[in-house]
N, C-alpha and C. Protein backbone atom coordinates (compact mmCIF):
# COMPACT_ATOMS: atom_id res chain seq x y z
N MET A 1 25.35 -64.74 44.88
CA MET A 1 25.13 -63.79 45.95
C MET A 1 24.71 -62.44 45.35
N PHE A 2 24.02 -61.67 46.16
CA PHE A 2 23.53 -60.36 45.77
C PHE A 2 23.82 -59.41 46.93
N GLN A 3 24.39 -58.26 46.64
CA GLN A 3 24.82 -57.31 47.67
C GLN A 3 23.93 -56.06 47.64
N HIS A 4 23.60 -55.57 48.81
CA HIS A 4 22.89 -54.30 48.98
C HIS A 4 23.75 -53.47 49.92
N ILE A 5 24.26 -52.35 49.42
CA ILE A 5 25.18 -51.51 50.18
C ILE A 5 24.55 -50.13 50.30
N GLY A 6 24.59 -49.58 51.50
CA GLY A 6 23.98 -48.28 51.70
C GLY A 6 24.78 -47.41 52.64
N MET A 7 24.60 -46.11 52.45
CA MET A 7 25.18 -45.12 53.35
C MET A 7 24.04 -44.26 53.87
N LEU A 8 24.00 -44.08 55.17
CA LEU A 8 22.98 -43.27 55.82
C LEU A 8 23.64 -42.08 56.50
N THR A 9 23.11 -40.91 56.22
CA THR A 9 23.55 -39.69 56.90
C THR A 9 22.44 -39.29 57.85
N LEU A 10 22.77 -39.19 59.12
CA LEU A 10 21.78 -38.83 60.12
C LEU A 10 21.77 -37.33 60.34
N VAL A 11 20.63 -36.83 60.81
CA VAL A 11 20.51 -35.40 61.10
C VAL A 11 21.48 -35.03 62.23
N ASP A 12 21.84 -33.76 62.28
CA ASP A 12 22.78 -33.30 63.31
C ASP A 12 22.28 -33.59 64.72
N GLU A 13 20.97 -33.59 64.90
CA GLU A 13 20.39 -33.80 66.23
C GLU A 13 20.38 -35.27 66.65
N ALA A 14 20.72 -36.17 65.75
CA ALA A 14 20.73 -37.60 66.09
C ALA A 14 21.77 -37.87 67.18
N THR A 15 21.42 -38.76 68.08
CA THR A 15 22.30 -39.09 69.20
C THR A 15 23.05 -40.39 68.93
N ALA A 16 24.01 -40.68 69.77
CA ALA A 16 24.71 -41.96 69.69
C ALA A 16 23.73 -43.11 69.89
N GLU A 17 22.73 -42.89 70.73
CA GLU A 17 21.71 -43.91 70.96
C GLU A 17 20.89 -44.17 69.70
N ASN A 18 20.61 -43.12 68.92
CA ASN A 18 19.91 -43.31 67.65
C ASN A 18 20.73 -44.18 66.71
N ALA A 19 22.02 -43.87 66.60
CA ALA A 19 22.91 -44.65 65.74
C ALA A 19 23.01 -46.09 66.24
N ASP A 20 23.13 -46.27 67.55
CA ASP A 20 23.19 -47.62 68.13
C ASP A 20 21.94 -48.42 67.78
N ALA A 21 20.78 -47.78 67.85
CA ALA A 21 19.52 -48.47 67.55
C ALA A 21 19.46 -48.90 66.09
N ILE A 22 19.95 -48.06 65.20
CA ILE A 22 19.97 -48.41 63.77
C ILE A 22 20.91 -49.58 63.54
N VAL A 23 22.10 -49.51 64.10
CA VAL A 23 23.08 -50.60 63.94
C VAL A 23 22.48 -51.90 64.45
N ALA A 24 21.91 -51.89 65.65
CA ALA A 24 21.33 -53.10 66.22
C ALA A 24 20.19 -53.63 65.37
N GLY A 25 19.36 -52.73 64.88
CA GLY A 25 18.23 -53.14 64.04
C GLY A 25 18.67 -53.81 62.76
N LEU A 26 19.66 -53.23 62.09
CA LEU A 26 20.15 -53.82 60.84
C LEU A 26 20.86 -55.15 61.09
N LEU A 27 21.65 -55.21 62.16
CA LEU A 27 22.38 -56.45 62.44
C LEU A 27 21.45 -57.60 62.84
N ALA A 28 20.26 -57.29 63.32
CA ALA A 28 19.31 -58.33 63.72
C ALA A 28 18.55 -58.93 62.54
N LEU A 29 18.54 -58.27 61.41
CA LEU A 29 17.70 -58.70 60.29
C LEU A 29 18.04 -60.08 59.72
N PRO A 30 19.30 -60.51 59.64
CA PRO A 30 19.55 -61.85 59.09
C PRO A 30 18.86 -62.98 59.86
N ALA A 31 18.55 -62.76 61.12
CA ALA A 31 17.90 -63.80 61.92
C ALA A 31 16.43 -63.99 61.55
N THR A 32 15.84 -63.00 60.87
CA THR A 32 14.40 -63.09 60.59
C THR A 32 14.02 -62.98 59.12
N ILE A 33 14.95 -62.58 58.27
CA ILE A 33 14.61 -62.39 56.86
C ILE A 33 15.22 -63.51 56.02
N PRO A 34 14.38 -64.30 55.37
CA PRO A 34 14.88 -65.41 54.55
C PRO A 34 15.82 -64.92 53.45
N GLY A 35 16.94 -65.59 53.30
CA GLY A 35 17.88 -65.28 52.24
C GLY A 35 18.84 -64.15 52.54
N LEU A 36 18.67 -63.48 53.67
CA LEU A 36 19.64 -62.46 54.09
C LEU A 36 20.73 -63.18 54.87
N VAL A 37 21.86 -63.35 54.21
CA VAL A 37 22.93 -64.20 54.71
C VAL A 37 23.79 -63.51 55.75
N GLU A 38 24.08 -62.22 55.54
CA GLU A 38 25.00 -61.52 56.44
C GLU A 38 24.72 -60.02 56.41
N ALA A 39 24.89 -59.38 57.55
CA ALA A 39 24.78 -57.92 57.66
C ALA A 39 26.03 -57.39 58.34
N LYS A 40 26.63 -56.37 57.74
CA LYS A 40 27.76 -55.66 58.34
C LYS A 40 27.37 -54.19 58.40
N VAL A 41 27.63 -53.56 59.52
CA VAL A 41 27.32 -52.14 59.68
C VAL A 41 28.50 -51.48 60.38
N ASP A 42 28.93 -50.34 59.86
CA ASP A 42 30.04 -49.59 60.46
C ASP A 42 29.68 -48.12 60.53
N ARG A 43 30.32 -47.44 61.47
CA ARG A 43 30.16 -45.99 61.62
C ARG A 43 31.35 -45.29 61.00
N ASP A 44 31.08 -44.14 60.46
CA ASP A 44 32.16 -43.32 59.92
C ASP A 44 33.12 -42.93 61.04
N ALA A 45 34.38 -42.87 60.73
CA ALA A 45 35.40 -42.52 61.73
C ALA A 45 35.37 -41.04 62.10
N GLY A 46 34.63 -40.24 61.34
CA GLY A 46 34.51 -38.83 61.68
C GLY A 46 35.70 -37.98 61.29
N LEU A 47 36.48 -38.43 60.33
CA LEU A 47 37.69 -37.71 59.95
C LEU A 47 37.46 -36.65 58.88
N THR A 48 36.37 -36.79 58.11
CA THR A 48 36.12 -35.87 57.02
C THR A 48 34.70 -35.30 57.14
N PRO A 49 34.57 -34.00 57.25
CA PRO A 49 33.24 -33.39 57.33
C PRO A 49 32.41 -33.74 56.10
N GLY A 50 31.13 -33.97 56.31
CA GLY A 50 30.23 -34.24 55.20
C GLY A 50 30.07 -35.71 54.86
N ASN A 51 30.85 -36.58 55.49
CA ASN A 51 30.69 -38.01 55.23
C ASN A 51 29.36 -38.52 55.76
N ALA A 52 28.94 -39.67 55.25
CA ALA A 52 27.77 -40.35 55.80
C ALA A 52 28.08 -40.79 57.23
N THR A 53 27.03 -41.04 57.99
CA THR A 53 27.18 -41.45 59.39
C THR A 53 27.43 -42.95 59.51
N LEU A 54 26.68 -43.73 58.74
CA LEU A 54 26.74 -45.19 58.80
C LEU A 54 26.84 -45.78 57.40
N VAL A 55 27.51 -46.90 57.30
CA VAL A 55 27.53 -47.67 56.06
C VAL A 55 27.13 -49.10 56.41
N PHE A 56 26.31 -49.70 55.54
CA PHE A 56 25.96 -51.10 55.77
C PHE A 56 26.14 -51.89 54.49
N HIS A 57 26.41 -53.17 54.67
CA HIS A 57 26.65 -54.09 53.56
C HIS A 57 25.87 -55.35 53.88
N LEU A 58 24.81 -55.59 53.12
CA LEU A 58 23.97 -56.76 53.33
C LEU A 58 24.20 -57.75 52.19
N THR A 59 24.38 -59.01 52.53
CA THR A 59 24.60 -60.06 51.55
C THR A 59 23.39 -60.97 51.52
N PHE A 60 22.84 -61.15 50.34
CA PHE A 60 21.66 -61.99 50.13
C PHE A 60 22.03 -63.20 49.29
N ALA A 61 21.26 -64.26 49.43
CA ALA A 61 21.49 -65.47 48.65
C ALA A 61 21.34 -65.18 47.16
N ASP A 62 20.40 -64.30 46.82
CA ASP A 62 20.16 -63.96 45.42
C ASP A 62 19.29 -62.70 45.36
N GLN A 63 19.02 -62.24 44.15
CA GLN A 63 18.23 -61.02 43.98
C GLN A 63 16.82 -61.19 44.51
N ALA A 64 16.25 -62.37 44.36
CA ALA A 64 14.90 -62.63 44.86
C ALA A 64 14.83 -62.44 46.38
N ALA A 65 15.87 -62.84 47.09
CA ALA A 65 15.90 -62.66 48.54
C ALA A 65 15.93 -61.17 48.89
N TRP A 66 16.70 -60.39 48.13
CA TRP A 66 16.73 -58.94 48.35
C TRP A 66 15.36 -58.33 48.10
N GLU A 67 14.69 -58.78 47.05
CA GLU A 67 13.36 -58.26 46.74
C GLU A 67 12.38 -58.56 47.88
N GLY A 68 12.49 -59.73 48.49
CA GLY A 68 11.65 -60.07 49.63
C GLY A 68 11.96 -59.22 50.85
N TYR A 69 13.22 -58.91 51.03
CA TYR A 69 13.68 -58.07 52.15
C TYR A 69 13.08 -56.68 52.09
N ARG A 70 12.93 -56.15 50.90
CA ARG A 70 12.48 -54.77 50.73
C ARG A 70 11.14 -54.51 51.41
N THR A 71 10.25 -55.51 51.40
CA THR A 71 8.93 -55.32 51.99
C THR A 71 8.72 -56.16 53.25
N HIS A 72 9.75 -56.85 53.71
CA HIS A 72 9.62 -57.68 54.90
C HIS A 72 9.26 -56.79 56.10
N PRO A 73 8.30 -57.20 56.92
CA PRO A 73 7.87 -56.36 58.05
C PRO A 73 8.99 -55.97 59.02
N ASP A 74 9.96 -56.83 59.24
CA ASP A 74 11.05 -56.48 60.16
C ASP A 74 11.94 -55.39 59.58
N HIS A 75 12.18 -55.44 58.29
CA HIS A 75 12.96 -54.40 57.61
C HIS A 75 12.19 -53.08 57.64
N VAL A 76 10.92 -53.14 57.29
CA VAL A 76 10.09 -51.94 57.28
C VAL A 76 10.04 -51.32 58.68
N ALA A 77 9.97 -52.14 59.72
CA ALA A 77 9.94 -51.62 61.09
C ALA A 77 11.23 -50.90 61.45
N VAL A 78 12.38 -51.44 61.03
CA VAL A 78 13.65 -50.76 61.30
C VAL A 78 13.67 -49.40 60.62
N ILE A 79 13.17 -49.34 59.41
CA ILE A 79 13.13 -48.05 58.70
C ILE A 79 12.23 -47.07 59.44
N LYS A 80 10.99 -47.48 59.69
CA LYS A 80 10.00 -46.56 60.28
C LYS A 80 10.36 -46.14 61.70
N GLU A 81 10.83 -47.10 62.50
CA GLU A 81 11.03 -46.82 63.92
C GLU A 81 12.41 -46.28 64.27
N ARG A 82 13.43 -46.66 63.49
CA ARG A 82 14.79 -46.31 63.87
C ARG A 82 15.50 -45.37 62.89
N ILE A 83 15.28 -45.59 61.60
CA ILE A 83 16.02 -44.82 60.60
C ILE A 83 15.30 -43.53 60.23
N ALA A 84 14.06 -43.62 59.78
CA ALA A 84 13.34 -42.45 59.25
C ALA A 84 13.31 -41.26 60.20
N PRO A 85 13.12 -41.46 61.51
CA PRO A 85 13.04 -40.28 62.38
C PRO A 85 14.33 -39.45 62.46
N VAL A 86 15.46 -40.02 62.09
CA VAL A 86 16.73 -39.28 62.21
C VAL A 86 17.51 -39.24 60.89
N LEU A 87 16.86 -39.57 59.79
CA LEU A 87 17.56 -39.66 58.50
C LEU A 87 17.60 -38.31 57.79
N ALA A 88 18.80 -37.91 57.38
CA ALA A 88 18.98 -36.70 56.57
C ALA A 88 19.14 -37.06 55.10
N ALA A 89 19.89 -38.13 54.81
CA ALA A 89 20.15 -38.53 53.42
C ALA A 89 20.51 -40.00 53.37
N LYS A 90 20.30 -40.60 52.20
CA LYS A 90 20.63 -42.01 52.00
C LYS A 90 21.10 -42.23 50.58
N THR A 91 21.96 -43.23 50.42
CA THR A 91 22.45 -43.64 49.11
C THR A 91 22.58 -45.15 49.14
N PHE A 92 22.12 -45.81 48.07
CA PHE A 92 22.18 -47.27 48.00
C PHE A 92 22.73 -47.72 46.66
N VAL A 93 23.28 -48.92 46.66
CA VAL A 93 23.68 -49.58 45.42
C VAL A 93 23.44 -51.07 45.62
N GLN A 94 23.00 -51.74 44.55
CA GLN A 94 22.85 -53.19 44.58
C GLN A 94 23.83 -53.76 43.55
N VAL A 95 24.46 -54.87 43.95
CA VAL A 95 25.49 -55.48 43.10
C VAL A 95 25.25 -56.97 43.04
N ALA A 96 25.16 -57.50 41.83
CA ALA A 96 25.09 -58.95 41.65
C ALA A 96 26.51 -59.48 41.68
N ALA A 97 26.80 -60.32 42.65
CA ALA A 97 28.18 -60.82 42.79
C ALA A 97 28.22 -62.32 42.61
């Protein structure tokens, strides 16, 4: 298995609907991207100022599946249409498990 974990911080002007759209977009990806086994997405509880807005944990069959995901049209569409317009900062890590 191969893990891709990310934290997204949205701009202050982002709405709950923006966050909902990102969550829905990420959760839909396993249905269309080969080798993407599972997607988990959670929102920050809002207890500490400065935290990221969303965290996601994607599980892939292997590193090759993750590499395919990076340029897959459905993934790119989620970035362009849902994430990029409201993104302030991002952090990612990949882990071979």
